Full PDB file with SEQRES, HELIX, SHEET, SSBOND, CRYST1, ORIGX, SCALE, CONECT and MASTER records, all heavy atoms in Angstrom:
SEQRES   1 A   37  GLY ILE THR TYR TYR ALA ASP SER VAL LYS GLY ARG PHE          
SEQRES   2 A   37  THR ILE SER ARG ASP ASN ALA LYS ASN THR VAL SER LEU          
SEQRES   3 A   37  GLN MET ASN SER LEU LYS PRO GLU ASP THR ALA                  
HELIX    1 AA1 PRO A   33  ASP A   35  5                                   3    
SHEET    1 AA1 2 PHE A  13  ASP A  18  0                                        
SHEET    2 AA1 2 THR A  23  MET A  28 -1                                        
CRYST1    1.000    1.000    1.000  90.00  90.00  90.00 P 1           1          
ORIGX1      1.000000  0.000000  0.000000        0.00000                         
ORIGX2      0.000000  1.000000  0.000000        0.00000                         
ORIGX3      0.000000  0.000000  1.000000        0.00000                         
SCALE1      1.000000  0.000000  0.000000        0.00000                         
SCALE2      0.000000  1.000000  0.000000        0.00000                         
SCALE3      0.000000  0.000000  1.000000        0.00000                         
ATOM      1  N   GLY A   1       7.901  29.624  30.888  1.00  0.00           N  
ATOM      2  CA  GLY A   1       8.969  30.536  31.161  1.00  0.00           C  
ATOM      3  C   GLY A   1       8.824  31.294  32.490  1.00  0.00           C  
ATOM      4  O   GLY A   1       9.481  32.330  32.660  1.00  0.00           O  
ATOM      5  N   ILE A   2       8.010  30.834  33.394  1.00  0.00           N  
ATOM      6  CA  ILE A   2       7.887  31.418  34.719  1.00  0.00           C  
ATOM      7  C   ILE A   2       9.140  31.151  35.546  1.00  0.00           C  
ATOM      8  O   ILE A   2       9.591  30.015  35.602  1.00  0.00           O  
ATOM      9  CB  ILE A   2       6.613  30.886  35.435  1.00  0.00           C  
ATOM     10  CG1 ILE A   2       5.340  31.203  34.600  1.00  0.00           C  
ATOM     11  CG2 ILE A   2       6.466  31.558  36.789  1.00  0.00           C  
ATOM     12  CD1 ILE A   2       4.122  30.554  35.142  1.00  0.00           C  
ATOM     13  N   THR A   3       9.636  32.181  36.147  1.00  0.00           N  
ATOM     14  CA  THR A   3      10.886  32.093  36.897  1.00  0.00           C  
ATOM     15  C   THR A   3      10.767  32.231  38.359  1.00  0.00           C  
ATOM     16  O   THR A   3       9.794  32.887  38.878  1.00  0.00           O  
ATOM     17  CB  THR A   3      11.878  33.147  36.385  1.00  0.00           C  
ATOM     18  OG1 THR A   3      11.335  34.446  36.554  1.00  0.00           O  
ATOM     19  CG2 THR A   3      12.188  32.925  34.878  1.00  0.00           C  
ATOM     20  N   TYR A   4      11.701  31.651  39.098  1.00  0.00           N  
ATOM     21  CA  TYR A   4      11.765  31.698  40.546  1.00  0.00           C  
ATOM     22  C   TYR A   4      13.221  31.885  40.963  1.00  0.00           C  
ATOM     23  O   TYR A   4      14.131  31.302  40.313  1.00  0.00           O  
ATOM     24  CB  TYR A   4      11.178  30.468  41.193  1.00  0.00           C  
ATOM     25  CG  TYR A   4       9.786  30.151  40.813  1.00  0.00           C  
ATOM     26  CD1 TYR A   4       9.493  29.420  39.640  1.00  0.00           C  
ATOM     27  CD2 TYR A   4       8.727  30.604  41.579  1.00  0.00           C  
ATOM     28  CE1 TYR A   4       8.172  29.156  39.288  1.00  0.00           C  
ATOM     29  CE2 TYR A   4       7.417  30.362  41.241  1.00  0.00           C  
ATOM     30  CZ  TYR A   4       7.119  29.677  40.080  1.00  0.00           C  
ATOM     31  OH  TYR A   4       5.831  29.385  39.686  1.00  0.00           O  
ATOM     32  N   TYR A   5      13.421  32.674  42.004  1.00  0.00           N  
ATOM     33  CA  TYR A   5      14.809  32.945  42.422  1.00  0.00           C  
ATOM     34  C   TYR A   5      14.926  32.881  43.931  1.00  0.00           C  
ATOM     35  O   TYR A   5      14.012  33.162  44.672  1.00  0.00           O  
ATOM     36  CB  TYR A   5      15.215  34.361  41.978  1.00  0.00           C  
ATOM     37  CG  TYR A   5      15.275  34.591  40.524  1.00  0.00           C  
ATOM     38  CD1 TYR A   5      14.184  35.080  39.835  1.00  0.00           C  
ATOM     39  CD2 TYR A   5      16.407  34.278  39.791  1.00  0.00           C  
ATOM     40  CE1 TYR A   5      14.203  35.318  38.471  1.00  0.00           C  
ATOM     41  CE2 TYR A   5      16.430  34.456  38.447  1.00  0.00           C  
ATOM     42  CZ  TYR A   5      15.334  34.985  37.768  1.00  0.00           C  
ATOM     43  OH  TYR A   5      15.374  35.194  36.415  1.00  0.00           O  
ATOM     44  N   ALA A   6      16.086  32.418  44.364  1.00  0.00           N  
ATOM     45  CA  ALA A   6      16.448  32.524  45.794  1.00  0.00           C  
ATOM     46  C   ALA A   6      16.660  33.946  46.167  1.00  0.00           C  
ATOM     47  O   ALA A   6      17.086  34.757  45.350  1.00  0.00           O  
ATOM     48  CB  ALA A   6      17.670  31.721  46.109  1.00  0.00           C  
ATOM     49  N   ASP A   7      16.317  34.329  47.407  1.00  0.00           N  
ATOM     50  CA  ASP A   7      16.484  35.679  47.870  1.00  0.00           C  
ATOM     51  C   ASP A   7      17.917  36.199  47.704  1.00  0.00           C  
ATOM     52  O   ASP A   7      18.111  37.393  47.430  1.00  0.00           O  
ATOM     53  CB  ASP A   7      16.028  35.805  49.291  1.00  0.00           C  
ATOM     54  CG  ASP A   7      14.554  35.634  49.471  1.00  0.00           C  
ATOM     55  OD1 ASP A   7      13.815  35.840  48.496  1.00  0.00           O  
ATOM     56  OD2 ASP A   7      14.092  35.418  50.632  1.00  0.00           O  
ATOM     57  N   SER A   8      18.849  35.301  47.829  1.00  0.00           N  
ATOM     58  CA  SER A   8      20.270  35.696  47.792  1.00  0.00           C  
ATOM     59  C   SER A   8      20.726  36.211  46.419  1.00  0.00           C  
ATOM     60  O   SER A   8      21.752  36.898  46.335  1.00  0.00           O  
ATOM     61  CB  SER A   8      21.146  34.561  48.243  1.00  0.00           C  
ATOM     62  OG  SER A   8      21.003  33.431  47.391  1.00  0.00           O  
ATOM     63  N   VAL A   9      19.965  35.906  45.364  1.00  0.00           N  
ATOM     64  CA  VAL A   9      20.366  36.256  43.994  1.00  0.00           C  
ATOM     65  C   VAL A   9      19.344  37.110  43.290  1.00  0.00           C  
ATOM     66  O   VAL A   9      19.612  37.596  42.165  1.00  0.00           O  
ATOM     67  CB  VAL A   9      20.697  34.995  43.154  1.00  0.00           C  
ATOM     68  CG1 VAL A   9      21.694  34.136  43.828  1.00  0.00           C  
ATOM     69  CG2 VAL A   9      19.384  34.224  42.882  1.00  0.00           C  
ATOM     70  N   LYS A  10      18.208  37.417  43.886  1.00  0.00           N  
ATOM     71  CA  LYS A  10      17.221  38.280  43.256  1.00  0.00           C  
ATOM     72  C   LYS A  10      17.784  39.592  42.926  1.00  0.00           C  
ATOM     73  O   LYS A  10      18.472  40.269  43.740  1.00  0.00           O  
ATOM     74  CB  LYS A  10      16.030  38.439  44.178  1.00  0.00           C  
ATOM     75  CG  LYS A  10      15.116  37.221  44.221  1.00  0.00           C  
ATOM     76  CD  LYS A  10      13.901  37.496  45.143  1.00  0.00           C  
ATOM     77  CE  LYS A  10      12.986  36.282  45.172  1.00  0.00           C  
ATOM     78  NZ  LYS A  10      11.822  36.518  46.042  1.00  0.00           N  
ATOM     79  N   GLY A  11      17.516  40.023  41.718  1.00  0.00           N  
ATOM     80  CA  GLY A  11      18.012  41.362  41.240  1.00  0.00           C  
ATOM     81  C   GLY A  11      19.389  41.284  40.638  1.00  0.00           C  
ATOM     82  O   GLY A  11      19.847  42.228  39.977  1.00  0.00           O  
ATOM     83  N   ARG A  12      20.080  40.186  40.818  1.00  0.00           N  
ATOM     84  CA  ARG A  12      21.437  39.995  40.336  1.00  0.00           C  
ATOM     85  C   ARG A  12      21.530  38.921  39.204  1.00  0.00           C  
ATOM     86  O   ARG A  12      22.278  39.067  38.247  1.00  0.00           O  
ATOM     87  CB  ARG A  12      22.461  39.687  41.390  1.00  0.00           C  
ATOM     88  CG  ARG A  12      22.546  40.743  42.457  1.00  0.00           C  
ATOM     89  CD  ARG A  12      23.711  40.491  43.420  1.00  0.00           C  
ATOM     90  NE  ARG A  12      23.542  39.223  44.150  1.00  0.00           N  
ATOM     91  CZ  ARG A  12      24.443  38.263  44.128  1.00  0.00           C  
ATOM     92  NH1 ARG A  12      25.526  38.388  43.430  1.00  0.00           N  
ATOM     93  NH2 ARG A  12      24.209  37.136  44.808  1.00  0.00           N  
ATOM     94  N   PHE A  13      20.812  37.828  39.435  1.00  0.00           N  
ATOM     95  CA  PHE A  13      20.824  36.692  38.463  1.00  0.00           C  
ATOM     96  C   PHE A  13      19.547  36.638  37.644  1.00  0.00           C  
ATOM     97  O   PHE A  13      18.450  36.974  38.194  1.00  0.00           O  
ATOM     98  CB  PHE A  13      21.015  35.378  39.199  1.00  0.00           C  
ATOM     99  CG  PHE A  13      22.321  35.152  39.898  1.00  0.00           C  
ATOM    100  CD1 PHE A  13      23.267  36.197  40.004  1.00  0.00           C  
ATOM    101  CD2 PHE A  13      22.652  33.945  40.436  1.00  0.00           C  
ATOM    102  CE1 PHE A  13      24.459  36.028  40.628  1.00  0.00           C  
ATOM    103  CE2 PHE A  13      23.865  33.705  41.084  1.00  0.00           C  
ATOM    104  CZ  PHE A  13      24.783  34.766  41.164  1.00  0.00           C  
ATOM    105  N   THR A  14      19.653  36.204  36.390  1.00  0.00           N  
ATOM    106  CA  THR A  14      18.487  36.029  35.566  1.00  0.00           C  
ATOM    107  C   THR A  14      18.558  34.685  34.811  1.00  0.00           C  
ATOM    108  O   THR A  14      19.576  34.386  34.228  1.00  0.00           O  
ATOM    109  CB  THR A  14      18.403  37.149  34.532  1.00  0.00           C  
ATOM    110  OG1 THR A  14      18.346  38.417  35.148  1.00  0.00           O  
ATOM    111  CG2 THR A  14      17.158  36.971  33.635  1.00  0.00           C  
ATOM    112  N   ILE A  15      17.536  33.927  35.000  1.00  0.00           N  
ATOM    113  CA  ILE A  15      17.427  32.620  34.342  1.00  0.00           C  
ATOM    114  C   ILE A  15      16.584  32.743  33.075  1.00  0.00           C  
ATOM    115  O   ILE A  15      15.590  33.453  33.081  1.00  0.00           O  
ATOM    116  CB  ILE A  15      16.875  31.517  35.257  1.00  0.00           C  
ATOM    117  CG1 ILE A  15      17.030  30.129  34.620  1.00  0.00           C  
ATOM    118  CG2 ILE A  15      15.456  31.807  35.658  1.00  0.00           C  
ATOM    119  CD1 ILE A  15      16.711  28.957  35.541  1.00  0.00           C  
ATOM    120  N   SER A  16      16.976  32.045  32.011  1.00  0.00           N  
ATOM    121  CA  SER A  16      16.208  32.126  30.788  1.00  0.00           C  
ATOM    122  C   SER A  16      16.361  30.802  30.038  1.00  0.00           C  
ATOM    123  O   SER A  16      17.228  30.001  30.418  1.00  0.00           O  
ATOM    124  CB  SER A  16      16.676  33.272  29.862  1.00  0.00           C  
ATOM    125  OG  SER A  16      18.052  33.102  29.554  1.00  0.00           O  
ATOM    126  N   ARG A  17      15.538  30.563  29.060  1.00  0.00           N  
ATOM    127  CA  ARG A  17      15.586  29.335  28.323  1.00  0.00           C  
ATOM    128  C   ARG A  17      15.368  29.571  26.855  1.00  0.00           C  
ATOM    129  O   ARG A  17      14.775  30.543  26.424  1.00  0.00           O  
ATOM    130  CB  ARG A  17      14.617  28.286  28.901  1.00  0.00           C  
ATOM    131  CG  ARG A  17      13.180  28.235  28.237  1.00  0.00           C  
ATOM    132  CD  ARG A  17      12.359  29.458  28.497  1.00  0.00           C  
ATOM    133  NE  ARG A  17      10.975  29.190  28.211  1.00  0.00           N  
ATOM    134  CZ  ARG A  17      10.067  30.139  27.854  1.00  0.00           C  
ATOM    135  NH1 ARG A  17      10.494  31.406  27.746  1.00  0.00           N  
ATOM    136  NH2 ARG A  17       8.803  29.800  27.596  1.00  0.00           N  
ATOM    137  N   ASP A  18      15.827  28.578  26.040  1.00  0.00           N  
ATOM    138  CA  ASP A  18      15.650  28.532  24.646  1.00  0.00           C  
ATOM    139  C   ASP A  18      15.005  27.204  24.352  1.00  0.00           C  
ATOM    140  O   ASP A  18      15.702  26.184  24.313  1.00  0.00           O  
ATOM    141  CB  ASP A  18      16.950  28.667  23.870  1.00  0.00           C  
ATOM    142  CG  ASP A  18      16.781  28.779  22.396  1.00  0.00           C  
ATOM    143  OD1 ASP A  18      15.783  28.216  21.861  1.00  0.00           O  
ATOM    144  OD2 ASP A  18      17.616  29.394  21.701  1.00  0.00           O  
ATOM    145  N   ASN A  19      13.683  27.159  24.161  1.00  0.00           N  
ATOM    146  CA  ASN A  19      13.001  25.899  24.014  1.00  0.00           C  
ATOM    147  C   ASN A  19      13.431  25.120  22.772  1.00  0.00           C  
ATOM    148  O   ASN A  19      13.477  23.880  22.807  1.00  0.00           O  
ATOM    149  CB  ASN A  19      11.475  26.126  23.911  1.00  0.00           C  
ATOM    150  CG  ASN A  19      10.862  26.564  25.230  1.00  0.00           C  
ATOM    151  OD1 ASN A  19      11.556  26.793  26.206  1.00  0.00           O  
ATOM    152  ND2 ASN A  19       9.510  26.710  25.262  1.00  0.00           N  
ATOM    153  N   ALA A  20      13.724  25.837  21.715  1.00  0.00           N  
ATOM    154  CA  ALA A  20      14.104  25.191  20.471  1.00  0.00           C  
ATOM    155  C   ALA A  20      15.452  24.425  20.605  1.00  0.00           C  
ATOM    156  O   ALA A  20      15.650  23.341  19.982  1.00  0.00           O  
ATOM    157  CB  ALA A  20      14.203  26.145  19.310  1.00  0.00           C  
ATOM    158  N   LYS A  21      16.363  24.968  21.401  1.00  0.00           N  
ATOM    159  CA  LYS A  21      17.670  24.369  21.555  1.00  0.00           C  
ATOM    160  C   LYS A  21      17.795  23.568  22.840  1.00  0.00           C  
ATOM    161  O   LYS A  21      18.856  22.953  23.060  1.00  0.00           O  
ATOM    162  CB  LYS A  21      18.767  25.439  21.505  1.00  0.00           C  
ATOM    163  CG  LYS A  21      18.861  26.251  20.254  1.00  0.00           C  
ATOM    164  CD  LYS A  21      19.987  27.242  20.299  1.00  0.00           C  
ATOM    165  CE  LYS A  21      21.349  26.561  20.473  1.00  0.00           C  
ATOM    166  NZ  LYS A  21      22.470  27.504  20.435  1.00  0.00           N  
ATOM    167  N   ASN A  22      16.794  23.508  23.618  1.00  0.00           N  
ATOM    168  CA  ASN A  22      16.791  22.757  24.888  1.00  0.00           C  
ATOM    169  C   ASN A  22      17.950  23.231  25.786  1.00  0.00           C  
ATOM    170  O   ASN A  22      18.721  22.414  26.316  1.00  0.00           O  
ATOM    171  CB  ASN A  22      16.840  21.263  24.676  1.00  0.00           C  
ATOM    172  CG  ASN A  22      15.612  20.701  24.086  1.00  0.00           C  
ATOM    173  OD1 ASN A  22      14.463  21.166  24.324  1.00  0.00           O  
ATOM    174  ND2 ASN A  22      15.700  19.626  23.295  1.00  0.00           N  
ATOM    175  N   THR A  23      18.042  24.492  25.933  1.00  0.00           N  
ATOM    176  CA  THR A  23      19.081  25.085  26.798  1.00  0.00           C  
ATOM    177  C   THR A  23      18.478  26.050  27.777  1.00  0.00           C  
ATOM    178  O   THR A  23      17.495  26.694  27.566  1.00  0.00           O  
ATOM    179  CB  THR A  23      20.162  25.812  25.918  1.00  0.00           C  
ATOM    180  OG1 THR A  23      19.539  26.890  25.224  1.00  0.00           O  
ATOM    181  CG2 THR A  23      20.834  24.872  24.995  1.00  0.00           C  
ATOM    182  N   VAL A  24      19.181  26.203  28.918  1.00  0.00           N  
ATOM    183  CA  VAL A  24      18.823  27.176  29.882  1.00  0.00           C  
ATOM    184  C   VAL A  24      20.062  27.913  30.299  1.00  0.00           C  
ATOM    185  O   VAL A  24      21.145  27.299  30.391  1.00  0.00           O  
ATOM    186  CB  VAL A  24      18.119  26.512  31.100  1.00  0.00           C  
ATOM    187  CG1 VAL A  24      19.088  25.530  31.820  1.00  0.00           C  
ATOM    188  CG2 VAL A  24      17.610  27.595  32.096  1.00  0.00           C  
ATOM    189  N   SER A  25      19.974  29.257  30.520  1.00  0.00           N  
ATOM    190  CA  SER A  25      21.096  30.028  30.861  1.00  0.00           C  
ATOM    191  C   SER A  25      20.871  30.731  32.207  1.00  0.00           C  
ATOM    192  O   SER A  25      19.739  30.928  32.628  1.00  0.00           O  
ATOM    193  CB  SER A  25      21.340  31.075  29.770  1.00  0.00           C  
ATOM    194  OG  SER A  25      21.653  30.462  28.540  1.00  0.00           O  
ATOM    195  N   LEU A  26      21.956  31.071  32.794  1.00  0.00           N  
ATOM    196  CA  LEU A  26      21.924  31.888  34.027  1.00  0.00           C  
ATOM    197  C   LEU A  26      22.910  33.049  33.862  1.00  0.00           C  
ATOM    198  O   LEU A  26      24.125  32.829  33.877  1.00  0.00           O  
ATOM    199  CB  LEU A  26      22.331  31.050  35.235  1.00  0.00           C  
ATOM    200  CG  LEU A  26      22.209  31.717  36.613  1.00  0.00           C  
ATOM    201  CD1 LEU A  26      20.755  31.924  36.970  1.00  0.00           C  
ATOM    202  CD2 LEU A  26      22.933  30.912  37.678  1.00  0.00           C  
ATOM    203  N   GLN A  27      22.344  34.220  33.712  1.00  0.00           N  
ATOM    204  CA  GLN A  27      23.153  35.466  33.650  1.00  0.00           C  
ATOM    205  C   GLN A  27      23.370  35.945  35.079  1.00  0.00           C  
ATOM    206  O   GLN A  27      22.421  36.236  35.774  1.00  0.00           O  
ATOM    207  CB  GLN A  27      22.441  36.549  32.814  1.00  0.00           C  
ATOM    208  CG  GLN A  27      23.169  37.855  32.741  1.00  0.00           C  
ATOM    209  CD  GLN A  27      24.428  37.700  31.971  1.00  0.00           C  
ATOM    210  OE1 GLN A  27      24.539  37.058  30.916  1.00  0.00           O  
ATOM    211  NE2 GLN A  27      25.496  38.282  32.520  1.00  0.00           N  
ATOM    212  N   MET A  28      24.613  36.037  35.449  1.00  0.00           N  
ATOM    213  CA  MET A  28      25.016  36.414  36.819  1.00  0.00           C  
ATOM    214  C   MET A  28      25.706  37.734  36.792  1.00  0.00           C  
ATOM    215  O   MET A  28      26.817  37.851  36.177  1.00  0.00           O  
ATOM    216  CB  MET A  28      25.885  35.340  37.471  1.00  0.00           C  
ATOM    217  CG  MET A  28      25.259  33.949  37.463  1.00  0.00           C  
ATOM    218  SD  MET A  28      26.220  32.761  38.328  1.00  0.00           S  
ATOM    219  CE  MET A  28      27.734  32.716  37.348  1.00  0.00           C  
ATOM    220  N   ASN A  29      25.129  38.760  37.362  1.00  0.00           N  
ATOM    221  CA  ASN A  29      25.714  40.065  37.462  1.00  0.00           C  
ATOM    222  C   ASN A  29      25.988  40.437  38.905  1.00  0.00           C  
ATOM    223  O   ASN A  29      25.500  39.826  39.818  1.00  0.00           O  
ATOM    224  CB  ASN A  29      24.743  41.094  36.823  1.00  0.00           C  
ATOM    225  CG  ASN A  29      24.470  40.868  35.381  1.00  0.00           C  
ATOM    226  OD1 ASN A  29      25.319  40.425  34.611  1.00  0.00           O  
ATOM    227  ND2 ASN A  29      23.238  41.180  34.969  1.00  0.00           N  
ATOM    228  N   SER A  30      26.789  41.486  39.049  1.00  0.00           N  
ATOM    229  CA  SER A  30      27.181  41.984  40.417  1.00  0.00           C  
ATOM    230  C   SER A  30      27.644  40.858  41.291  1.00  0.00           C  
ATOM    231  O   SER A  30      27.175  40.698  42.455  1.00  0.00           O  
ATOM    232  CB  SER A  30      25.984  42.728  41.024  1.00  0.00           C  
ATOM    233  OG  SER A  30      25.566  43.822  40.200  1.00  0.00           O  
ATOM    234  N   LEU A  31      28.475  40.006  40.826  1.00  0.00           N  
ATOM    235  CA  LEU A  31      28.984  38.814  41.539  1.00  0.00           C  
ATOM    236  C   LEU A  31      29.698  39.216  42.794  1.00  0.00           C  
ATOM    237  O   LEU A  31      30.492  40.174  42.840  1.00  0.00           O  
ATOM    238  CB  LEU A  31      29.800  37.946  40.639  1.00  0.00           C  
ATOM    239  CG  LEU A  31      29.038  37.159  39.605  1.00  0.00           C  
ATOM    240  CD1 LEU A  31      29.925  36.590  38.551  1.00  0.00           C  
ATOM    241  CD2 LEU A  31      28.294  35.978  40.305  1.00  0.00           C  
ATOM    242  N   LYS A  32      29.537  38.380  43.799  1.00  0.00           N  
ATOM    243  CA  LYS A  32      30.196  38.550  45.101  1.00  0.00           C  
ATOM    244  C   LYS A  32      31.033  37.346  45.416  1.00  0.00           C  
ATOM    245  O   LYS A  32      30.757  36.271  44.955  1.00  0.00           O  
ATOM    246  CB  LYS A  32      29.175  38.766  46.204  1.00  0.00           C  
ATOM    247  CG  LYS A  32      28.070  39.830  45.961  1.00  0.00           C  
ATOM    248  CD  LYS A  32      27.015  39.813  46.999  1.00  0.00           C  
ATOM    249  CE  LYS A  32      25.953  40.849  46.741  1.00  0.00           C  
ATOM    250  NZ  LYS A  32      24.887  40.784  47.803  1.00  0.00           N  
ATOM    251  N   PRO A  33      32.064  37.521  46.248  1.00  0.00           N  
ATOM    252  CA  PRO A  33      32.891  36.385  46.631  1.00  0.00           C  
ATOM    253  C   PRO A  33      32.055  35.208  47.217  1.00  0.00           C  
ATOM    254  O   PRO A  33      32.392  34.058  46.994  1.00  0.00           O  
ATOM    255  CB  PRO A  33      33.843  36.959  47.656  1.00  0.00           C  
ATOM    256  CG  PRO A  33      33.977  38.402  47.314  1.00  0.00           C  
ATOM    257  CD  PRO A  33      32.585  38.787  46.817  1.00  0.00           C  
ATOM    258  N   GLU A  34      30.955  35.488  47.915  1.00  0.00           N  
ATOM    259  CA  GLU A  34      30.125  34.451  48.468  1.00  0.00           C  
ATOM    260  C   GLU A  34      29.331  33.674  47.416  1.00  0.00           C  
ATOM    261  O   GLU A  34      28.694  32.658  47.750  1.00  0.00           O  
ATOM    262  CB  GLU A  34      29.181  35.010  49.524  1.00  0.00           C  
ATOM    263  CG  GLU A  34      28.406  36.240  49.072  1.00  0.00           C  
ATOM    264  CD  GLU A  34      29.033  37.536  49.523  1.00  0.00           C  
ATOM    265  OE1 GLU A  34      30.234  37.664  49.408  1.00  0.00           O  
ATOM    266  OE2 GLU A  34      28.238  38.401  49.967  1.00  0.00           O  
ATOM    267  N   ASP A  35      29.384  34.159  46.154  1.00  0.00           N  
ATOM    268  CA  ASP A  35      28.783  33.394  45.073  1.00  0.00           C  
ATOM    269  C   ASP A  35      29.701  32.218  44.616  1.00  0.00           C  
ATOM    270  O   ASP A  35      29.245  31.461  43.780  1.00  0.00           O  
ATOM    271  CB  ASP A  35      28.470  34.299  43.908  1.00  0.00           C  
ATOM    272  CG  ASP A  35      27.362  35.308  44.222  1.00  0.00           C  
ATOM    273  OD1 ASP A  35      26.404  34.963  44.882  1.00  0.00           O  
ATOM    274  OD2 ASP A  35      27.513  36.481  43.778  1.00  0.00           O  
ATOM    275  N   THR A  36      30.917  32.242  45.058  1.00  0.00           N  
ATOM    276  CA  THR A  36      31.878  31.192  44.677  1.00  0.00           C  
ATOM    277  C   THR A  36      31.320  29.806  45.051  1.00  0.00           C  
ATOM    278  O   THR A  36      30.978  29.528  46.240  1.00  0.00           O  
ATOM    279  CB  THR A  36      33.221  31.369  45.320  1.00  0.00           C  
ATOM    280  OG1 THR A  36      33.761  32.603  44.900  1.00  0.00           O  
ATOM    281  CG2 THR A  36      34.126  30.263  44.986  1.00  0.00           C  
ATOM    282  N   ALA A  37      31.220  28.917  44.050  1.00  0.00           N  
ATOM    283  CA  ALA A  37      30.638  27.587  44.292  1.00  0.00           C  
ATOM    284  C   ALA A  37      30.674  26.814  42.964  1.00  0.00           C  
ATOM    285  O   ALA A  37      31.036  27.342  41.922  1.00  0.00           O  
ATOM    286  CB  ALA A  37      29.225  27.680  44.768  1.00  0.00           C  
TER     287      ALA A  37                                                      
MASTER        0    0    0    1    2    0    0    6  286    1    0    3          
END                                                                             
């Protein structure tokens, strides 16, 4: 569960995983127009 982030999203995005369900999530807060992609 060790995480790494790009500088552009540090403090705003959070990655997490659920090992039992084989899923990974990305919580994105304080979104900016430049996050559009």
